[in-house]
mmCIF file of all heavy atoms, coordinates in Angstrom:
data_MODEL
# 
_entry.id   MODEL 
# 
loop_
_atom_site.group_PDB 
_atom_site.id 
_atom_site.type_symbol 
_atom_site.label_atom_id 
_atom_site.label_alt_id 
_atom_site.label_comp_id 
_atom_site.label_asym_id 
_atom_site.label_entity_id 
_atom_site.label_seq_id 
_atom_site.pdbx_PDB_ins_code 
_atom_site.Cartn_x 
_atom_site.Cartn_y 
_atom_site.Cartn_z 
_atom_site.occupancy 
_atom_site.B_iso_or_equiv 
_atom_site.pdbx_formal_charge 
_atom_site.auth_seq_id 
_atom_site.auth_comp_id 
_atom_site.auth_asym_id 
_atom_site.auth_atom_id 
_atom_site.pdbx_PDB_model_num 
ATOM 1   N N   . GLU A 1 1  ? 81.703 -14.529 98.438  1.00 0.00 ? 1  GLU A N   1 
ATOM 2   C CA  . GLU A 1 1  ? 81.943 -13.455 99.399  1.00 0.00 ? 1  GLU A CA  1 
ATOM 3   C C   . GLU A 1 1  ? 81.664 -13.886 100.837 1.00 0.00 ? 1  GLU A C   1 
ATOM 4   O O   . GLU A 1 1  ? 81.977 -13.147 101.767 1.00 0.00 ? 1  GLU A O   1 
ATOM 5   C CB  . GLU A 1 1  ? 81.138 -12.223 98.987  1.00 0.00 ? 1  GLU A CB  1 
ATOM 6   C CG  . GLU A 1 1  ? 81.705 -11.661 97.689  1.00 0.00 ? 1  GLU A CG  1 
ATOM 7   C CD  . GLU A 1 1  ? 80.910 -10.509 97.100  1.00 0.00 ? 1  GLU A CD  1 
ATOM 8   O OE1 . GLU A 1 1  ? 79.782 -10.732 96.648  1.00 0.00 ? 1  GLU A OE1 1 
ATOM 9   O OE2 . GLU A 1 1  ? 81.447 -9.386  97.090  1.00 0.00 ? 1  GLU A OE2 1 
ATOM 10  N N   . MET A 1 2  ? 81.124 -15.110 101.001 1.00 0.00 ? 2  MET A N   1 
ATOM 11  C CA  . MET A 1 2  ? 81.053 -15.691 102.338 1.00 0.00 ? 2  MET A CA  1 
ATOM 12  C C   . MET A 1 2  ? 82.368 -16.390 102.704 1.00 0.00 ? 2  MET A C   1 
ATOM 13  O O   . MET A 1 2  ? 82.490 -16.964 103.783 1.00 0.00 ? 2  MET A O   1 
ATOM 14  C CB  . MET A 1 2  ? 79.894 -16.687 102.431 1.00 0.00 ? 2  MET A CB  1 
ATOM 15  C CG  . MET A 1 2  ? 78.523 -16.044 102.356 1.00 0.00 ? 2  MET A CG  1 
ATOM 16  S SD  . MET A 1 2  ? 77.160 -17.193 102.675 1.00 0.00 ? 2  MET A SD  1 
ATOM 17  C CE  . MET A 1 2  ? 77.083 -18.072 101.110 1.00 0.00 ? 2  MET A CE  1 
ATOM 18  N N   . PHE A 1 3  ? 83.361 -16.322 101.811 1.00 0.00 ? 3  PHE A N   1 
ATOM 19  C CA  . PHE A 1 3  ? 84.670 -16.928 102.040 1.00 0.00 ? 3  PHE A CA  1 
ATOM 20  C C   . PHE A 1 3  ? 85.792 -15.900 102.030 1.00 0.00 ? 3  PHE A C   1 
ATOM 21  O O   . PHE A 1 3  ? 86.896 -16.192 102.477 1.00 0.00 ? 3  PHE A O   1 
ATOM 22  C CB  . PHE A 1 3  ? 84.959 -17.991 100.977 1.00 0.00 ? 3  PHE A CB  1 
ATOM 23  C CG  . PHE A 1 3  ? 83.995 -19.143 100.988 1.00 0.00 ? 3  PHE A CG  1 
ATOM 24  C CD1 . PHE A 1 3  ? 82.769 -19.048 100.342 1.00 0.00 ? 3  PHE A CD1 1 
ATOM 25  C CD2 . PHE A 1 3  ? 84.300 -20.322 101.645 1.00 0.00 ? 3  PHE A CD2 1 
ATOM 26  C CE1 . PHE A 1 3  ? 81.869 -20.118 100.353 1.00 0.00 ? 3  PHE A CE1 1 
ATOM 27  C CE2 . PHE A 1 3  ? 83.414 -21.389 101.664 1.00 0.00 ? 3  PHE A CE2 1 
ATOM 28  C CZ  . PHE A 1 3  ? 82.195 -21.287 101.020 1.00 0.00 ? 3  PHE A CZ  1 
ATOM 29  N N   . PHE A 1 4  ? 85.518 -14.669 101.506 1.00 0.00 ? 4  PHE A N   1 
ATOM 30  C CA  . PHE A 1 4  ? 86.548 -13.638 101.422 1.00 0.00 ? 4  PHE A CA  1 
ATOM 31  C C   . PHE A 1 4  ? 86.837 -13.080 102.805 1.00 0.00 ? 4  PHE A C   1 
ATOM 32  O O   . PHE A 1 4  ? 85.922 -12.630 103.513 1.00 0.00 ? 4  PHE A O   1 
ATOM 33  C CB  . PHE A 1 4  ? 86.087 -12.471 100.529 1.00 0.00 ? 4  PHE A CB  1 
ATOM 34  C CG  . PHE A 1 4  ? 85.981 -12.801 99.075  1.00 0.00 ? 4  PHE A CG  1 
ATOM 35  C CD1 . PHE A 1 4  ? 85.231 -12.011 98.234  1.00 0.00 ? 4  PHE A CD1 1 
ATOM 36  C CD2 . PHE A 1 4  ? 86.644 -13.883 98.533  1.00 0.00 ? 4  PHE A CD2 1 
ATOM 37  C CE1 . PHE A 1 4  ? 85.128 -12.288 96.881  1.00 0.00 ? 4  PHE A CE1 1 
ATOM 38  C CE2 . PHE A 1 4  ? 86.547 -14.185 97.183  1.00 0.00 ? 4  PHE A CE2 1 
ATOM 39  C CZ  . PHE A 1 4  ? 85.790 -13.375 96.356  1.00 0.00 ? 4  PHE A CZ  1 
ATOM 40  N N   . GLY A 1 5  ? 88.112 -13.054 103.170 1.00 0.00 ? 5  GLY A N   1 
ATOM 41  C CA  . GLY A 1 5  ? 88.481 -12.461 104.464 1.00 0.00 ? 5  GLY A CA  1 
ATOM 42  C C   . GLY A 1 5  ? 88.740 -10.983 104.340 1.00 0.00 ? 5  GLY A C   1 
ATOM 43  O O   . GLY A 1 5  ? 89.895 -10.535 104.414 1.00 0.00 ? 5  GLY A O   1 
ATOM 44  N N   . ALA A 1 6  ? 87.707 -10.188 104.142 1.00 0.00 ? 6  ALA A N   1 
ATOM 45  C CA  . ALA A 1 6  ? 87.854 -8.744  103.965 1.00 0.00 ? 6  ALA A CA  1 
ATOM 46  C C   . ALA A 1 6  ? 88.075 -8.055  105.314 1.00 0.00 ? 6  ALA A C   1 
ATOM 47  O O   . ALA A 1 6  ? 87.886 -8.640  106.378 1.00 0.00 ? 6  ALA A O   1 
ATOM 48  C CB  . ALA A 1 6  ? 86.613 -8.175  103.290 1.00 0.00 ? 6  ALA A CB  1 
ATOM 49  N N   . ASN A 1 7  ? 88.495 -6.809  105.229 1.00 0.00 ? 7  ASN A N   1 
ATOM 50  C CA  . ASN A 1 7  ? 88.652 -5.951  106.412 1.00 0.00 ? 7  ASN A CA  1 
ATOM 51  C C   . ASN A 1 7  ? 89.584 -6.557  107.452 1.00 0.00 ? 7  ASN A C   1 
ATOM 52  O O   . ASN A 1 7  ? 89.341 -6.483  108.666 1.00 0.00 ? 7  ASN A O   1 
ATOM 53  C CB  . ASN A 1 7  ? 87.281 -5.667  107.038 1.00 0.00 ? 7  ASN A CB  1 
ATOM 54  C CG  . ASN A 1 7  ? 86.295 -5.070  106.063 1.00 0.00 ? 7  ASN A CG  1 
ATOM 55  O OD1 . ASN A 1 7  ? 86.650 -4.178  105.281 1.00 0.00 ? 7  ASN A OD1 1 
ATOM 56  N ND2 . ASN A 1 7  ? 85.070 -5.566  106.046 1.00 0.00 ? 7  ASN A ND2 1 
ATOM 57  N N   . GLY A 1 8  ? 90.667 -7.154  106.972 1.00 0.00 ? 8  GLY A N   1 
ATOM 58  C CA  . GLY A 1 8  ? 91.659 -7.702  107.883 1.00 0.00 ? 8  GLY A CA  1 
ATOM 59  C C   . GLY A 1 8  ? 91.385 -9.098  108.381 1.00 0.00 ? 8  GLY A C   1 
ATOM 60  O O   . GLY A 1 8  ? 92.219 -9.674  109.101 1.00 0.00 ? 8  GLY A O   1 
ATOM 61  N N   . ASN A 1 9  ? 90.237 -9.666  108.039 1.00 0.00 ? 9  ASN A N   1 
ATOM 62  C CA  . ASN A 1 9  ? 89.927 -11.039 108.463 1.00 0.00 ? 9  ASN A CA  1 
ATOM 63  C C   . ASN A 1 9  ? 90.602 -12.039 107.531 1.00 0.00 ? 9  ASN A C   1 
ATOM 64  O O   . ASN A 1 9  ? 90.704 -11.803 106.328 1.00 0.00 ? 9  ASN A O   1 
ATOM 65  C CB  . ASN A 1 9  ? 88.413 -11.281 108.429 1.00 0.00 ? 9  ASN A CB  1 
ATOM 66  C CG  . ASN A 1 9  ? 87.682 -10.468 109.459 1.00 0.00 ? 9  ASN A CG  1 
ATOM 67  O OD1 . ASN A 1 9  ? 88.013 -10.495 110.636 1.00 0.00 ? 9  ASN A OD1 1 
ATOM 68  N ND2 . ASN A 1 9  ? 86.669 -9.718  109.017 1.00 0.00 ? 9  ASN A ND2 1 
ATOM 69  N N   . PRO A 1 10 ? 91.057 -13.181 108.060 1.00 0.00 ? 10 PRO A N   1 
ATOM 70  C CA  . PRO A 1 10 ? 91.576 -14.218 107.168 1.00 0.00 ? 10 PRO A CA  1 
ATOM 71  C C   . PRO A 1 10 ? 90.445 -14.819 106.349 1.00 0.00 ? 10 PRO A C   1 
ATOM 72  O O   . PRO A 1 10 ? 89.271 -14.735 106.728 1.00 0.00 ? 10 PRO A O   1 
ATOM 73  C CB  . PRO A 1 10 ? 92.167 -15.253 108.136 1.00 0.00 ? 10 PRO A CB  1 
ATOM 74  C CG  . PRO A 1 10 ? 91.392 -15.075 109.403 1.00 0.00 ? 10 PRO A CG  1 
ATOM 75  C CD  . PRO A 1 10 ? 91.068 -13.596 109.483 1.00 0.00 ? 10 PRO A CD  1 
ATOM 76  N N   . ASP A 1 11 ? 90.788 -15.418 105.208 1.00 0.00 ? 11 ASP A N   1 
ATOM 77  C CA  . ASP A 1 11 ? 89.780 -16.116 104.425 1.00 0.00 ? 11 ASP A CA  1 
ATOM 78  C C   . ASP A 1 11 ? 89.150 -17.218 105.265 1.00 0.00 ? 11 ASP A C   1 
ATOM 79  O O   . ASP A 1 11 ? 89.767 -17.776 106.180 1.00 0.00 ? 11 ASP A O   1 
ATOM 80  C CB  . ASP A 1 11 ? 90.401 -16.728 103.163 1.00 0.00 ? 11 ASP A CB  1 
ATOM 81  C CG  . ASP A 1 11 ? 90.791 -15.676 102.132 1.00 0.00 ? 11 ASP A CG  1 
ATOM 82  O OD1 . ASP A 1 11 ? 90.202 -14.583 102.137 1.00 0.00 ? 11 ASP A OD1 1 
ATOM 83  O OD2 . ASP A 1 11 ? 91.699 -15.962 101.316 1.00 0.00 ? 11 ASP A OD2 1 
ATOM 84  N N   . TRP A 1 12 ? 87.901 -17.532 104.944 1.00 0.00 ? 12 TRP A N   1 
ATOM 85  C CA  . TRP A 1 12 ? 87.170 -18.579 105.674 1.00 0.00 ? 12 TRP A CA  1 
ATOM 86  C C   . TRP A 1 12 ? 87.914 -19.913 105.620 1.00 0.00 ? 12 TRP A C   1 
ATOM 87  O O   . TRP A 1 12 ? 88.021 -20.621 106.609 1.00 0.00 ? 12 TRP A O   1 
ATOM 88  C CB  . TRP A 1 12 ? 85.776 -18.704 105.088 1.00 0.00 ? 12 TRP A CB  1 
ATOM 89  C CG  . TRP A 1 12 ? 84.801 -19.565 105.821 1.00 0.00 ? 12 TRP A CG  1 
ATOM 90  C CD1 . TRP A 1 12 ? 84.147 -20.653 105.326 1.00 0.00 ? 12 TRP A CD1 1 
ATOM 91  C CD2 . TRP A 1 12 ? 84.312 -19.389 107.168 1.00 0.00 ? 12 TRP A CD2 1 
ATOM 92  N NE1 . TRP A 1 12 ? 83.300 -21.177 106.275 1.00 0.00 ? 12 TRP A NE1 1 
ATOM 93  C CE2 . TRP A 1 12 ? 83.369 -20.417 107.412 1.00 0.00 ? 12 TRP A CE2 1 
ATOM 94  C CE3 . TRP A 1 12 ? 84.585 -18.461 108.172 1.00 0.00 ? 12 TRP A CE3 1 
ATOM 95  C CZ2 . TRP A 1 12 ? 82.705 -20.547 108.628 1.00 0.00 ? 12 TRP A CZ2 1 
ATOM 96  C CZ3 . TRP A 1 12 ? 83.921 -18.593 109.389 1.00 0.00 ? 12 TRP A CZ3 1 
ATOM 97  C CH2 . TRP A 1 12 ? 82.994 -19.630 109.611 1.00 0.00 ? 12 TRP A CH2 1 
ATOM 98  N N   . ASN A 1 13 ? 88.438 -20.252 104.431 1.00 0.00 ? 13 ASN A N   1 
ATOM 99  C CA  . ASN A 1 13 ? 89.296 -21.419 104.250 1.00 0.00 ? 13 ASN A CA  1 
ATOM 100 C C   . ASN A 1 13 ? 90.642 -20.947 103.709 1.00 0.00 ? 13 ASN A C   1 
ATOM 101 O O   . ASN A 1 13 ? 90.714 -19.952 102.993 1.00 0.00 ? 13 ASN A O   1 
ATOM 102 C CB  . ASN A 1 13 ? 88.674 -22.425 103.284 1.00 0.00 ? 13 ASN A CB  1 
ATOM 103 C CG  . ASN A 1 13 ? 87.353 -22.984 103.786 1.00 0.00 ? 13 ASN A CG  1 
ATOM 104 O OD1 . ASN A 1 13 ? 87.187 -23.207 104.977 1.00 0.00 ? 13 ASN A OD1 1 
ATOM 105 N ND2 . ASN A 1 13 ? 86.415 -23.200 102.883 1.00 0.00 ? 13 ASN A ND2 1 
ATOM 106 N N   . ASN A 1 14 ? 91.700 -21.663 104.026 1.00 0.00 ? 14 ASN A N   1 
ATOM 107 C CA  . ASN A 1 14 ? 93.047 -21.279 103.647 1.00 0.00 ? 14 ASN A CA  1 
ATOM 108 C C   . ASN A 1 14 ? 93.310 -21.654 102.197 1.00 0.00 ? 14 ASN A C   1 
ATOM 109 O O   . ASN A 1 14 ? 93.533 -22.827 101.878 1.00 0.00 ? 14 ASN A O   1 
ATOM 110 C CB  . ASN A 1 14 ? 94.062 -21.965 104.585 1.00 0.00 ? 14 ASN A CB  1 
ATOM 111 C CG  . ASN A 1 14 ? 95.500 -21.603 104.238 1.00 0.00 ? 14 ASN A CG  1 
ATOM 112 O OD1 . ASN A 1 14 ? 95.764 -20.777 103.367 1.00 0.00 ? 14 ASN A OD1 1 
ATOM 113 N ND2 . ASN A 1 14 ? 96.442 -22.222 104.919 1.00 0.00 ? 14 ASN A ND2 1 
ATOM 114 N N   . LEU A 1 15 ? 93.311 -20.662 101.321 1.00 0.00 ? 15 LEU A N   1 
ATOM 115 C CA  . LEU A 1 15 ? 93.476 -20.942 99.893  1.00 0.00 ? 15 LEU A CA  1 
ATOM 116 C C   . LEU A 1 15 ? 94.894 -21.370 99.525  1.00 0.00 ? 15 LEU A C   1 
ATOM 117 O O   . LEU A 1 15 ? 95.110 -21.899 98.432  1.00 0.00 ? 15 LEU A O   1 
ATOM 118 C CB  . LEU A 1 15 ? 93.060 -19.725 99.073  1.00 0.00 ? 15 LEU A CB  1 
ATOM 119 C CG  . LEU A 1 15 ? 91.571 -19.361 99.133  1.00 0.00 ? 15 LEU A CG  1 
ATOM 120 C CD1 . LEU A 1 15 ? 91.265 -18.209 98.188  1.00 0.00 ? 15 LEU A CD1 1 
ATOM 121 C CD2 . LEU A 1 15 ? 90.700 -20.554 98.804  1.00 0.00 ? 15 LEU A CD2 1 
ATOM 122 N N   . ASP A 1 16 ? 95.858 -21.140 100.415 1.00 0.00 ? 16 ASP A N   1 
ATOM 123 C CA  . ASP A 1 16 ? 97.187 -21.672 100.148 1.00 0.00 ? 16 ASP A CA  1 
ATOM 124 C C   . ASP A 1 16 ? 97.203 -23.198 100.245 1.00 0.00 ? 16 ASP A C   1 
ATOM 125 O O   . ASP A 1 16 ? 98.150 -23.841 99.782  1.00 0.00 ? 16 ASP A O   1 
ATOM 126 C CB  . ASP A 1 16 ? 98.204 -21.080 101.135 1.00 0.00 ? 16 ASP A CB  1 
ATOM 127 C CG  . ASP A 1 16 ? 98.445 -19.590 100.879 1.00 0.00 ? 16 ASP A CG  1 
ATOM 128 O OD1 . ASP A 1 16 ? 98.281 -19.155 99.716  1.00 0.00 ? 16 ASP A OD1 1 
ATOM 129 O OD2 . ASP A 1 16 ? 98.802 -18.873 101.830 1.00 0.00 ? 16 ASP A OD2 1 
ATOM 130 N N   . GLN A 1 17 ? 96.167 -23.762 100.837 1.00 0.00 ? 17 GLN A N   1 
ATOM 131 C CA  . GLN A 1 17 ? 96.001 -25.218 100.927 1.00 0.00 ? 17 GLN A CA  1 
ATOM 132 C C   . GLN A 1 17 ? 94.753 -25.667 100.164 1.00 0.00 ? 17 GLN A C   1 
ATOM 133 O O   . GLN A 1 17 ? 94.148 -26.691 100.492 1.00 0.00 ? 17 GLN A O   1 
ATOM 134 C CB  . GLN A 1 17 ? 95.887 -25.650 102.398 1.00 0.00 ? 17 GLN A CB  1 
ATOM 135 C CG  . GLN A 1 17 ? 97.086 -25.289 103.250 1.00 0.00 ? 17 GLN A CG  1 
ATOM 136 C CD  . GLN A 1 17 ? 98.324 -26.076 102.873 1.00 0.00 ? 17 GLN A CD  1 
ATOM 137 O OE1 . GLN A 1 17 ? 98.228 -27.196 102.373 1.00 0.00 ? 17 GLN A OE1 1 
ATOM 138 N NE2 . GLN A 1 17 ? 99.496 -25.485 103.077 1.00 0.00 ? 17 GLN A NE2 1 
ATOM 139 N N   . ALA A 1 18 ? 94.396 -24.910 99.124  1.00 0.00 ? 18 ALA A N   1 
ATOM 140 C CA  . ALA A 1 18 ? 93.124 -25.161 98.445  1.00 0.00 ? 18 ALA A CA  1 
ATOM 141 C C   . ALA A 1 18 ? 93.079 -26.500 97.732  1.00 0.00 ? 18 ALA A C   1 
ATOM 142 O O   . ALA A 1 18 ? 91.992 -27.004 97.436  1.00 0.00 ? 18 ALA A O   1 
ATOM 143 C CB  . ALA A 1 18 ? 92.835 -24.032 97.443  1.00 0.00 ? 18 ALA A CB  1 
ATOM 144 N N   . LEU A 1 19 ? 94.235 -27.091 97.423  1.00 0.00 ? 19 LEU A N   1 
ATOM 145 C CA  . LEU A 1 19 ? 94.226 -28.385 96.746  1.00 0.00 ? 19 LEU A CA  1 
ATOM 146 C C   . LEU A 1 19 ? 93.811 -29.523 97.670  1.00 0.00 ? 19 LEU A C   1 
ATOM 147 O O   . LEU A 1 19 ? 93.630 -30.650 97.209  1.00 0.00 ? 19 LEU A O   1 
ATOM 148 C CB  . LEU A 1 19 ? 95.607 -28.675 96.140  1.00 0.00 ? 19 LEU A CB  1 
ATOM 149 C CG  . LEU A 1 19 ? 95.909 -27.924 94.840  1.00 0.00 ? 19 LEU A CG  1 
ATOM 150 C CD1 . LEU A 1 19 ? 97.376 -28.059 94.460  1.00 0.00 ? 19 LEU A CD1 1 
ATOM 151 C CD2 . LEU A 1 19 ? 95.025 -28.415 93.707  1.00 0.00 ? 19 LEU A CD2 1 
ATOM 152 N N   . ILE A 1 20 ? 93.666 -29.237 98.949  1.00 0.00 ? 20 ILE A N   1 
ATOM 153 C CA  . ILE A 1 20 ? 93.149 -30.233 99.892  1.00 0.00 ? 20 ILE A CA  1 
ATOM 154 C C   . ILE A 1 20 ? 91.659 -29.966 100.086 1.00 0.00 ? 20 ILE A C   1 
ATOM 155 O O   . ILE A 1 20 ? 91.286 -28.905 100.594 1.00 0.00 ? 20 ILE A O   1 
ATOM 156 C CB  . ILE A 1 20 ? 93.865 -30.153 101.253 1.00 0.00 ? 20 ILE A CB  1 
ATOM 157 C CG1 . ILE A 1 20 ? 95.369 -30.306 101.082 1.00 0.00 ? 20 ILE A CG1 1 
ATOM 158 C CG2 . ILE A 1 20 ? 93.313 -31.204 102.204 1.00 0.00 ? 20 ILE A CG2 1 
ATOM 159 C CD1 . ILE A 1 20 ? 96.158 -30.070 102.363 1.00 0.00 ? 20 ILE A CD1 1 
ATOM 160 N N   . PRO A 1 21 ? 90.781 -30.887 99.705  1.00 0.00 ? 21 PRO A N   1 
ATOM 161 C CA  . PRO A 1 21 ? 89.331 -30.697 99.943  1.00 0.00 ? 21 PRO A CA  1 
ATOM 162 C C   . PRO A 1 21 ? 89.009 -30.991 101.407 1.00 0.00 ? 21 PRO A C   1 
ATOM 163 O O   . PRO A 1 21 ? 88.593 -32.081 101.772 1.00 0.00 ? 21 PRO A O   1 
ATOM 164 C CB  . PRO A 1 21 ? 88.695 -31.703 98.983  1.00 0.00 ? 21 PRO A CB  1 
ATOM 165 C CG  . PRO A 1 21 ? 89.711 -32.786 98.837  1.00 0.00 ? 21 PRO A CG  1 
ATOM 166 C CD  . PRO A 1 21 ? 91.061 -32.133 98.968  1.00 0.00 ? 21 PRO A CD  1 
ATOM 167 N N   . ILE A 1 22 ? 89.178 -29.984 102.238 1.00 0.00 ? 22 ILE A N   1 
ATOM 168 C CA  . ILE A 1 22 ? 89.178 -30.209 103.689 1.00 0.00 ? 22 ILE A CA  1 
ATOM 169 C C   . ILE A 1 22 ? 87.819 -30.668 104.217 1.00 0.00 ? 22 ILE A C   1 
ATOM 170 O O   . ILE A 1 22 ? 87.756 -31.450 105.169 1.00 0.00 ? 22 ILE A O   1 
ATOM 171 C CB  . ILE A 1 22 ? 89.664 -28.947 104.442 1.00 0.00 ? 22 ILE A CB  1 
ATOM 172 C CG1 . ILE A 1 22 ? 88.839 -27.715 104.054 1.00 0.00 ? 22 ILE A CG1 1 
ATOM 173 C CG2 . ILE A 1 22 ? 91.132 -28.702 104.158 1.00 0.00 ? 22 ILE A CG2 1 
ATOM 174 C CD1 . ILE A 1 22 ? 89.235 -26.455 104.811 1.00 0.00 ? 22 ILE A CD1 1 
ATOM 175 N N   . ALA A 1 23 ? 86.733 -30.203 103.614 1.00 0.00 ? 23 ALA A N   1 
ATOM 176 C CA  . ALA A 1 23 ? 85.416 -30.670 104.069 1.00 0.00 ? 23 ALA A CA  1 
ATOM 177 C C   . ALA A 1 23 ? 85.230 -32.151 103.751 1.00 0.00 ? 23 ALA A C   1 
ATOM 178 O O   . ALA A 1 23 ? 84.686 -32.910 104.559 1.00 0.00 ? 23 ALA A O   1 
ATOM 179 C CB  . ALA A 1 23 ? 84.304 -29.843 103.428 1.00 0.00 ? 23 ALA A CB  1 
ATOM 180 N N   . ASP A 1 24 ? 85.692 -32.563 102.564 1.00 0.00 ? 24 ASP A N   1 
ATOM 181 C CA  . ASP A 1 24 ? 85.590 -33.974 102.198 1.00 0.00 ? 24 ASP A CA  1 
ATOM 182 C C   . ASP A 1 24 ? 86.442 -34.843 103.119 1.00 0.00 ? 24 ASP A C   1 
ATOM 183 O O   . ASP A 1 24 ? 86.038 -35.938 103.518 1.00 0.00 ? 24 ASP A O   1 
ATOM 184 C CB  . ASP A 1 24 ? 86.052 -34.183 100.760 1.00 0.00 ? 24 ASP A CB  1 
ATOM 185 C CG  . ASP A 1 24 ? 85.183 -33.470 99.735  1.00 0.00 ? 24 ASP A CG  1 
ATOM 186 O OD1 . ASP A 1 24 ? 84.143 -32.919 100.134 1.00 0.00 ? 24 ASP A OD1 1 
ATOM 187 O OD2 . ASP A 1 24 ? 85.556 -33.467 98.549  1.00 0.00 ? 24 ASP A OD2 1 
# 
């Protein structure tokens, strides 16, 4: 829930690109 973009906010990370480990 620290990643859910609730109340009109975008998700913290873009899950449409979730196959890219962006932090790594």
